[in-house]
């Protein structure tokens, strides 16, 4: 149990990767803006777009999570969602990829890594 009890904060590999790359893109954009570099601003924007694409790709590969809370035993940030290949219910990213998934709120099956 973490600092927030068993509340599902949504920490996932997809979320952390997207956040890290997005912050890097924001820093590059800001540095380009301060330096007066149009190329730097465009490069930063491209990195931010890469962050969105990487997050979406990782989500579709099962490293994200469905909307809503997960059971406490499946909340580890490295838990892989094996139900992602069929699509999550009401997930815009899954629908964009052509994965319709079930339309009811079901608990997703998750593969939890063994503790070291």
N, C-alpha and C. Protein backbone atom coordinates (compact mmCIF):
# COMPACT_ATOMS: atom_id res chain seq x y z
N UNK A 1 0.86 -1.17 0.00
CA UNK A 1 0.00 0.00 0.00
C UNK A 1 0.90 1.23 0.00
N UNK A 2 0.61 2.16 -0.86
CA UNK A 2 1.44 3.35 -1.02
C UNK A 2 0.99 4.49 -0.15
N UNK A 3 1.48 5.63 -0.49
CA UNK A 3 1.20 6.86 0.25
C UNK A 3 -0.28 7.24 0.21
N UNK A 4 -0.95 6.87 -0.86
CA UNK A 4 -2.36 7.23 -1.04
C UNK A 4 -3.30 6.07 -0.72
N UNK A 5 -2.87 5.12 0.05
CA UNK A 5 -3.71 3.96 0.36
C UNK A 5 -3.88 3.11 -0.87
N UNK A 6 -5.09 2.62 -1.10
CA UNK A 6 -5.31 1.79 -2.28
C UNK A 6 -6.02 2.56 -3.39
N UNK A 7 -5.93 3.88 -3.36
CA UNK A 7 -6.51 4.71 -4.42
C UNK A 7 -5.69 4.55 -5.69
N UNK A 8 -6.34 4.29 -6.82
CA UNK A 8 -5.65 4.08 -8.09
C UNK A 8 -5.30 5.43 -8.71
N UNK A 9 -4.01 5.77 -8.66
CA UNK A 9 -3.55 7.05 -9.20
C UNK A 9 -3.32 6.98 -10.71
N UNK A 10 -3.42 5.80 -11.31
CA UNK A 10 -3.27 5.68 -12.75
C UNK A 10 -1.83 5.68 -13.23
N UNK A 11 -0.89 5.40 -12.35
CA UNK A 11 0.51 5.35 -12.75
C UNK A 11 0.73 4.14 -13.65
N UNK A 12 1.17 4.37 -14.88
CA UNK A 12 1.43 3.29 -15.83
C UNK A 12 2.70 3.61 -16.60
N UNK A 13 3.24 2.61 -17.27
CA UNK A 13 4.42 2.83 -18.11
C UNK A 13 4.08 3.85 -19.21
N UNK A 14 2.90 3.71 -19.81
CA UNK A 14 2.48 4.64 -20.86
C UNK A 14 2.37 6.07 -20.31
N UNK A 15 1.78 6.21 -19.14
CA UNK A 15 1.62 7.53 -18.54
C UNK A 15 2.94 8.20 -18.18
N UNK A 16 3.83 7.44 -17.56
CA UNK A 16 5.12 8.01 -17.17
C UNK A 16 5.98 8.34 -18.38
N UNK A 17 5.96 7.48 -19.40
CA UNK A 17 6.74 7.75 -20.61
C UNK A 17 6.22 9.00 -21.30
N UNK A 18 4.92 9.08 -21.47
CA UNK A 18 4.33 10.25 -22.12
C UNK A 18 4.60 11.53 -21.35
N UNK A 19 4.53 11.46 -20.04
CA UNK A 19 4.80 12.64 -19.23
C UNK A 19 6.25 13.07 -19.35
N UNK A 20 7.18 12.12 -19.27
CA UNK A 20 8.60 12.45 -19.37
C UNK A 20 8.96 13.07 -20.71
N UNK A 21 8.49 12.45 -21.79
CA UNK A 21 8.80 12.97 -23.13
C UNK A 21 8.08 14.31 -23.35
N UNK A 22 6.87 14.45 -22.83
CA UNK A 22 6.14 15.71 -22.95
C UNK A 22 6.82 16.86 -22.21
N UNK A 23 7.36 16.57 -21.03
CA UNK A 23 8.10 17.60 -20.28
C UNK A 23 9.35 18.00 -21.04
N UNK A 24 10.05 17.01 -21.60
CA UNK A 24 11.23 17.31 -22.40
C UNK A 24 10.87 18.19 -23.60
N UNK A 25 9.77 17.89 -24.27
CA UNK A 25 9.31 18.71 -25.38
C UNK A 25 8.97 20.12 -24.96
N UNK A 26 8.37 20.27 -23.78
CA UNK A 26 8.04 21.60 -23.27
C UNK A 26 9.30 22.40 -22.96
N UNK A 27 10.31 21.72 -22.42
CA UNK A 27 11.57 22.39 -22.12
C UNK A 27 12.24 22.84 -23.42
N UNK A 28 12.25 21.97 -24.43
CA UNK A 28 12.86 22.34 -25.71
C UNK A 28 12.10 23.50 -26.35
N UNK A 29 10.77 23.45 -26.30
CA UNK A 29 9.97 24.55 -26.84
C UNK A 29 10.25 25.86 -26.11
N UNK A 30 10.31 25.80 -24.79
CA UNK A 30 10.60 27.00 -24.00
C UNK A 30 11.98 27.55 -24.27
N UNK A 31 12.97 26.66 -24.38
CA UNK A 31 14.33 27.11 -24.67
C UNK A 31 14.41 27.72 -26.06
N UNK A 32 13.70 27.13 -27.02
CA UNK A 32 13.67 27.70 -28.36
C UNK A 32 12.99 29.05 -28.38
N UNK A 33 11.96 29.20 -27.59
CA UNK A 33 11.26 30.48 -27.50
C UNK A 33 12.15 31.55 -26.88
N UNK A 34 12.81 31.21 -25.79
CA UNK A 34 13.70 32.17 -25.12
C UNK A 34 14.88 32.55 -26.02
N UNK A 35 15.41 31.56 -26.76
CA UNK A 35 16.55 31.82 -27.64
C UNK A 35 16.13 32.48 -28.94
N UNK A 36 14.85 32.59 -29.18
CA UNK A 36 14.38 33.20 -30.42
C UNK A 36 14.59 32.29 -31.62
N UNK A 37 14.59 30.99 -31.38
CA UNK A 37 14.84 30.00 -32.43
C UNK A 37 13.54 29.37 -32.89
N UNK A 38 13.15 29.68 -34.12
CA UNK A 38 11.94 29.07 -34.67
C UNK A 38 12.11 27.56 -34.78
N UNK A 39 13.31 27.13 -35.18
CA UNK A 39 13.57 25.69 -35.30
C UNK A 39 13.44 25.00 -33.94
N UNK A 40 13.89 25.65 -32.87
CA UNK A 40 13.79 25.07 -31.53
C UNK A 40 12.34 24.91 -31.09
N UNK A 41 11.52 25.91 -31.43
CA UNK A 41 10.10 25.83 -31.08
C UNK A 41 9.43 24.69 -31.85
N UNK A 42 9.75 24.57 -33.14
CA UNK A 42 9.19 23.48 -33.94
C UNK A 42 9.68 22.13 -33.46
N UNK A 43 10.95 22.05 -33.10
CA UNK A 43 11.50 20.79 -32.59
C UNK A 43 10.79 20.39 -31.30
N UNK A 44 10.59 21.34 -30.40
CA UNK A 44 9.88 21.06 -29.16
C UNK A 44 8.46 20.60 -29.41
N UNK A 45 7.79 21.24 -30.38
CA UNK A 45 6.44 20.81 -30.74
C UNK A 45 6.41 19.40 -31.29
N UNK A 46 7.45 19.05 -32.06
CA UNK A 46 7.55 17.69 -32.60
C UNK A 46 7.76 16.68 -31.48
N UNK A 47 8.55 17.04 -30.47
CA UNK A 47 8.78 16.14 -29.33
C UNK A 47 7.49 15.96 -28.54
N UNK A 48 6.71 17.01 -28.40
CA UNK A 48 5.42 16.91 -27.70
C UNK A 48 4.47 15.99 -28.48
N UNK A 49 4.46 16.11 -29.81
CA UNK A 49 3.64 15.21 -30.62
C UNK A 49 4.13 13.77 -30.49
N UNK A 50 5.45 13.58 -30.40
CA UNK A 50 6.02 12.25 -30.18
C UNK A 50 5.56 11.68 -28.84
N UNK A 51 5.46 12.53 -27.83
CA UNK A 51 4.98 12.08 -26.51
C UNK A 51 3.56 11.54 -26.61
N UNK A 52 2.71 12.23 -27.33
CA UNK A 52 1.33 11.76 -27.48
C UNK A 52 1.29 10.43 -28.23
N UNK A 53 2.08 10.32 -29.30
CA UNK A 53 2.11 9.08 -30.09
C UNK A 53 2.67 7.92 -29.27
N UNK A 54 3.74 8.17 -28.51
CA UNK A 54 4.36 7.12 -27.69
C UNK A 54 3.39 6.64 -26.61
N UNK A 55 2.68 7.57 -25.98
CA UNK A 55 1.70 7.20 -24.95
C UNK A 55 0.59 6.35 -25.54
N UNK A 56 0.09 6.75 -26.69
CA UNK A 56 -0.99 6.01 -27.35
C UNK A 56 -0.51 4.61 -27.74
N UNK A 57 0.68 4.53 -28.32
CA UNK A 57 1.23 3.23 -28.73
C UNK A 57 1.42 2.31 -27.54
N UNK A 58 1.98 2.83 -26.45
CA UNK A 58 2.17 2.01 -25.26
C UNK A 58 0.84 1.59 -24.64
N UNK A 59 -0.14 2.47 -24.68
CA UNK A 59 -1.48 2.13 -24.18
C UNK A 59 -2.05 0.96 -24.97
N UNK A 60 -1.93 1.02 -26.30
CA UNK A 60 -2.45 -0.05 -27.14
C UNK A 60 -1.69 -1.35 -26.94
N UNK A 61 -0.41 -1.25 -26.54
CA UNK A 61 0.40 -2.45 -26.29
C UNK A 61 0.14 -3.05 -24.91
N UNK A 62 -0.73 -2.40 -24.13
CA UNK A 62 -1.09 -2.95 -22.82
C UNK A 62 -0.36 -2.32 -21.66
N UNK A 63 0.41 -1.28 -21.89
CA UNK A 63 1.15 -0.64 -20.81
C UNK A 63 0.43 0.58 -20.24
N UNK A 64 -0.83 0.76 -20.62
CA UNK A 64 -1.66 1.81 -20.05
C UNK A 64 -2.71 1.17 -19.15
N UNK A 65 -3.86 1.82 -19.03
CA UNK A 65 -4.95 1.23 -18.26
C UNK A 65 -6.26 1.72 -18.80
N UNK A 66 -7.30 0.99 -18.51
CA UNK A 66 -8.64 1.41 -18.88
C UNK A 66 -9.07 2.56 -17.96
N UNK A 67 -10.10 3.29 -18.38
CA UNK A 67 -10.62 4.36 -17.53
C UNK A 67 -11.19 3.77 -16.24
N UNK A 68 -11.10 4.54 -15.18
CA UNK A 68 -11.63 4.11 -13.90
C UNK A 68 -10.60 3.40 -13.05
N UNK A 69 -10.94 3.15 -11.80
CA UNK A 69 -9.99 2.52 -10.88
C UNK A 69 -9.80 1.04 -11.18
N UNK A 70 -8.60 0.55 -10.87
CA UNK A 70 -8.29 -0.87 -10.99
C UNK A 70 -8.35 -1.48 -9.60
N UNK A 71 -8.53 -2.79 -9.52
CA UNK A 71 -8.48 -3.45 -8.21
C UNK A 71 -7.10 -3.23 -7.58
N UNK A 72 -7.01 -3.16 -6.25
CA UNK A 72 -5.74 -2.87 -5.59
C UNK A 72 -4.58 -3.78 -6.01
N UNK A 73 -4.85 -5.03 -6.27
CA UNK A 73 -3.78 -5.94 -6.66
C UNK A 73 -3.24 -5.70 -8.06
N UNK A 74 -3.90 -4.85 -8.85
CA UNK A 74 -3.49 -4.58 -10.22
C UNK A 74 -3.04 -3.15 -10.43
N UNK A 75 -2.73 -2.43 -9.34
CA UNK A 75 -2.40 -1.02 -9.45
C UNK A 75 -0.91 -0.73 -9.56
N UNK A 76 -0.08 -1.75 -9.59
CA UNK A 76 1.35 -1.52 -9.75
C UNK A 76 1.60 -0.84 -11.09
N UNK A 77 2.52 0.11 -11.15
CA UNK A 77 2.71 0.89 -12.38
C UNK A 77 3.24 0.05 -13.54
N UNK A 78 3.86 -1.09 -13.25
CA UNK A 78 4.34 -1.96 -14.31
C UNK A 78 3.36 -3.08 -14.65
N UNK A 79 2.15 -3.01 -14.15
CA UNK A 79 1.15 -4.04 -14.46
C UNK A 79 0.71 -3.89 -15.91
N UNK A 80 0.78 -4.99 -16.64
CA UNK A 80 0.40 -4.97 -18.06
C UNK A 80 -1.05 -5.38 -18.20
N UNK A 81 -1.80 -4.60 -18.94
CA UNK A 81 -3.22 -4.85 -19.18
C UNK A 81 -3.37 -5.74 -20.40
N UNK A 82 -3.58 -7.03 -20.17
CA UNK A 82 -3.67 -7.98 -21.28
C UNK A 82 -5.00 -7.86 -22.03
N UNK A 83 -5.96 -7.15 -21.50
CA UNK A 83 -7.24 -6.96 -22.18
C UNK A 83 -7.18 -5.83 -23.20
N UNK A 84 -6.06 -5.11 -23.26
CA UNK A 84 -5.95 -3.96 -24.17
C UNK A 84 -6.00 -4.36 -25.63
N UNK A 85 -5.62 -5.59 -25.95
CA UNK A 85 -5.62 -6.01 -27.36
C UNK A 85 -7.02 -6.01 -27.95
N UNK A 86 -8.04 -6.15 -27.10
CA UNK A 86 -9.43 -6.12 -27.57
C UNK A 86 -10.02 -4.73 -27.50
N UNK A 87 -9.38 -3.82 -26.79
CA UNK A 87 -9.89 -2.46 -26.62
C UNK A 87 -10.59 -2.29 -25.29
N UNK A 88 -10.47 -1.10 -24.74
CA UNK A 88 -11.14 -0.77 -23.48
C UNK A 88 -12.50 -0.16 -23.77
N UNK A 89 -13.47 -0.42 -22.92
CA UNK A 89 -14.79 0.20 -23.12
C UNK A 89 -14.70 1.72 -23.01
N UNK A 90 -15.34 2.41 -23.92
CA UNK A 90 -15.42 3.88 -23.91
C UNK A 90 -14.06 4.56 -23.95
N UNK A 91 -13.04 3.95 -24.56
CA UNK A 91 -11.70 4.52 -24.65
C UNK A 91 -11.52 5.13 -26.04
N UNK A 92 -11.29 6.43 -26.08
CA UNK A 92 -11.12 7.13 -27.36
C UNK A 92 -9.89 6.60 -28.10
N UNK A 93 -8.78 6.38 -27.39
CA UNK A 93 -7.57 5.88 -28.02
C UNK A 93 -7.77 4.51 -28.65
N UNK A 94 -8.49 3.64 -27.96
CA UNK A 94 -8.76 2.31 -28.51
C UNK A 94 -9.68 2.41 -29.73
N UNK A 95 -10.67 3.29 -29.67
CA UNK A 95 -11.56 3.47 -30.82
C UNK A 95 -10.81 4.03 -32.02
N UNK A 96 -9.84 4.94 -31.77
CA UNK A 96 -9.04 5.49 -32.87
C UNK A 96 -8.22 4.39 -33.55
N UNK A 97 -7.85 3.36 -32.80
CA UNK A 97 -7.07 2.25 -33.35
C UNK A 97 -7.97 1.16 -33.92
N UNK A 98 -9.28 1.35 -33.88
CA UNK A 98 -10.20 0.36 -34.42
C UNK A 98 -10.53 -0.76 -33.47
N UNK A 99 -10.20 -0.58 -32.20
CA UNK A 99 -10.51 -1.59 -31.19
C UNK A 99 -11.74 -1.13 -30.44
N UNK A 100 -12.85 -1.78 -30.68
CA UNK A 100 -14.09 -1.33 -30.06
C UNK A 100 -14.25 -1.84 -28.65
N UNK A 101 -13.85 -3.07 -28.40
CA UNK A 101 -13.93 -3.63 -27.05
C UNK A 101 -15.36 -3.74 -26.56
N UNK A 102 -15.53 -4.32 -25.39
CA UNK A 102 -16.86 -4.44 -24.82
C UNK A 102 -17.39 -3.07 -24.40
N UNK A 103 -18.65 -2.86 -24.50
CA UNK A 103 -19.27 -1.58 -24.16
C UNK A 103 -19.74 -1.51 -22.72
N UNK A 104 -19.47 -2.52 -21.94
CA UNK A 104 -19.87 -2.50 -20.54
C UNK A 104 -18.63 -2.29 -19.69
N UNK A 105 -18.83 -1.79 -18.50
CA UNK A 105 -17.71 -1.59 -17.59
C UNK A 105 -17.36 -2.92 -16.94
N UNK A 106 -16.26 -3.50 -17.39
CA UNK A 106 -15.78 -4.76 -16.83
C UNK A 106 -14.40 -4.51 -16.25
N UNK A 107 -14.02 -5.34 -15.34
CA UNK A 107 -12.68 -5.27 -14.80
C UNK A 107 -11.72 -5.87 -15.82
N UNK A 108 -10.70 -5.13 -16.18
CA UNK A 108 -9.72 -5.61 -17.16
C UNK A 108 -8.81 -6.65 -16.52
N UNK A 109 -8.38 -7.60 -17.34
CA UNK A 109 -7.42 -8.58 -16.87
C UNK A 109 -6.04 -7.94 -16.94
N UNK A 110 -5.26 -8.09 -15.89
CA UNK A 110 -3.97 -7.44 -15.83
C UNK A 110 -2.92 -8.46 -15.40
N UNK A 111 -1.79 -8.45 -16.06
CA UNK A 111 -0.67 -9.30 -15.67
C UNK A 111 0.22 -8.49 -14.73
N UNK A 112 0.30 -8.89 -13.49
CA UNK A 112 1.08 -8.16 -12.48
C UNK A 112 2.48 -8.78 -12.40
N UNK A 113 3.53 -7.94 -12.51
CA UNK A 113 4.88 -8.50 -12.44
C UNK A 113 5.21 -9.01 -11.05
N UNK A 114 6.08 -10.01 -11.01
CA UNK A 114 6.52 -10.55 -9.72
C UNK A 114 7.40 -9.53 -9.00
N UNK A 115 7.28 -9.50 -7.71
CA UNK A 115 8.11 -8.60 -6.90
C UNK A 115 9.54 -9.11 -6.89
N UNK A 116 10.48 -8.19 -6.92
CA UNK A 116 11.89 -8.59 -6.91
C UNK A 116 12.35 -8.99 -5.56
